[in-house]
Structure formats: C-alpha cells, structure tokens
Amino acid sequence: MYTFENETIPRTLPVLESVQLQPWFTTSILDQGLQLLRKKKIEGFYSLRNAAGALIEKMAVVALQFDTNAKLHQGFIFRNRYCSLCHL
C-alpha cells in the first residue's frame, strides 16, 4: 500500500482504508499492520488482479485472494487467505 520512506507513512491508518477493511480486521489488527509498515518489516508487497501478498521479515508469508460481492459496500470479500503469523 505504501512505497514511501518510513517518515511519510501516516501515524494512523487513513479512515477510508480502515472502513474498507473493518468487516474483516479489528482496529487493533489494522494498527499492528500499520506498525509493520512503519518499522519496514514488510520486505515485499505484491498484487495481481484479485490477489495480494506480502513477505514479512523474510520469514512470514501473507496472501489474500478477493472476489467481487455486491452485498457489501466494499464490493469484495476474501475468497482465500493465508497468514503464517496469525494462522489464518
């Protein structure tokens, strides 16, 4: 999401992103993810069409696959997900 220097990453997650992700993640989890970004723990972030993935500290993998869903205001749901840190 952010490819800027560490100093330009916001202190709190922007409201729009927070609202979009709240059906799936608590504010605490979103804050933890932002801290990983701020501390430069996420060493690679990849996205392609309806999927995104990240490598965290060269040891943990996170992958999300999305599907469209008109019933949610976000317009998407997670079809598949995997996180070696949180065991999703």
Protein backbone atom coordinates (compact mmCIF):
# COMPACT_ATOMS: atom_id res chain seq x y z
CA MET A 1 0.00 0.00 0.00
CA TYR A 2 2.81 2.45 0.85
CA THR A 3 6.05 2.64 -1.09
CA PHE A 4 7.33 5.81 0.54
CA GLU A 5 10.10 6.47 3.01
CA ASN A 6 9.29 5.48 6.58
CA GLU A 7 8.77 9.09 7.70
CA THR A 8 5.89 9.64 5.25
CA ILE A 9 3.80 6.67 6.39
CA PRO A 10 0.90 8.08 8.44
CA ARG A 11 0.73 7.60 12.21
CA THR A 12 -2.78 6.16 11.93
CA LEU A 13 -4.45 4.23 9.16
CA PRO A 14 -6.43 6.58 6.90
CA VAL A 15 -10.17 6.46 7.57
CA LEU A 16 -11.12 5.19 4.10
CA GLU A 17 -8.77 2.19 4.31
CA SER A 18 -9.84 1.49 7.86
CA VAL A 19 -13.55 1.49 6.95
CA GLN A 20 -12.92 -0.70 3.89
CA LEU A 21 -11.09 -3.35 5.95
CA GLN A 22 -13.11 -3.33 9.20
CA PRO A 23 -15.51 -6.13 8.26
CA TRP A 24 -12.50 -8.48 8.38
CA PHE A 25 -9.95 -6.85 10.71
CA THR A 26 -10.30 -5.16 14.08
CA THR A 27 -8.79 -1.73 14.64
CA SER A 28 -6.09 -3.38 16.76
CA ILE A 29 -5.07 -5.73 13.92
CA LEU A 30 -5.07 -2.85 11.42
CA ASP A 31 -2.85 -0.82 13.77
CA GLN A 32 -0.45 -3.77 14.09
CA GLY A 33 -0.23 -3.98 10.29
CA LEU A 34 0.49 -0.27 10.04
CA GLN A 35 3.27 -0.64 12.60
CA LEU A 36 4.82 -3.39 10.47
CA LEU A 37 4.83 -0.92 7.58
CA ARG A 38 6.29 1.88 9.72
CA LYS A 39 9.08 -0.37 11.03
CA LYS A 40 9.83 -1.60 7.48
CA LYS A 41 9.14 -5.19 8.50
CA ILE A 42 7.25 -5.85 5.26
CA GLU A 43 10.01 -6.51 2.77
CA GLY A 44 7.89 -7.25 -0.25
CA PHE A 45 4.33 -6.48 -1.26
CA TYR A 46 2.86 -7.97 -4.40
CA SER A 47 -0.53 -7.61 -6.07
CA LEU A 48 -2.02 -9.08 -9.23
CA ARG A 49 -5.63 -8.72 -10.35
CA ASN A 50 -7.66 -10.08 -7.42
CA ALA A 51 -4.82 -11.16 -5.11
CA ALA A 52 -2.22 -9.58 -2.84
CA GLY A 53 0.66 -10.98 -0.85
CA ALA A 54 3.49 -9.84 1.39
CA LEU A 55 6.75 -11.16 2.82
CA ILE A 56 7.38 -10.12 6.42
CA GLU A 57 10.95 -10.18 7.74
CA LYS A 58 11.89 -12.83 5.13
CA MET A 59 10.12 -15.50 7.20
CA ALA A 60 6.36 -14.96 7.23
CA VAL A 61 4.01 -15.02 4.25
CA VAL A 62 0.61 -13.35 3.94
CA ALA A 63 -1.65 -13.94 0.94
CA LEU A 64 -5.19 -12.74 0.20
CA GLN A 65 -7.44 -13.57 -2.74
CA PHE A 66 -10.56 -11.46 -3.37
CA ASP A 67 -13.92 -12.00 -5.07
CA THR A 68 -16.46 -9.36 -6.00
CA ASN A 69 -19.56 -9.11 -3.82
CA ALA A 70 -22.28 -6.54 -4.40
CA LYS A 71 -23.88 -7.13 -0.97
CA LEU A 72 -21.03 -5.41 0.91
CA HIS A 73 -20.33 -1.72 0.43
CA GLN A 74 -16.65 -2.62 -0.02
CA GLY A 75 -17.56 -4.54 -3.16
CA PHE A 76 -15.35 -7.53 -2.34
CA ILE A 77 -14.87 -10.46 0.03
CA PHE A 78 -11.89 -12.66 0.81
CA ARG A 79 -12.13 -15.91 -1.11
CA ASN A 80 -8.88 -17.42 0.20
CA ARG A 81 -6.43 -16.19 2.80
CA TYR A 82 -3.25 -17.38 4.44
CA CYS A 83 -1.07 -15.85 7.13
CA SER A 84 1.83 -17.74 8.67
CA LEU A 85 1.95 -15.20 11.54
CA CYS A 86 -1.72 -15.31 12.55
CA HIS A 87 -2.52 -18.81 11.28
CA LEU A 88 -5.46 -17.83 9.03
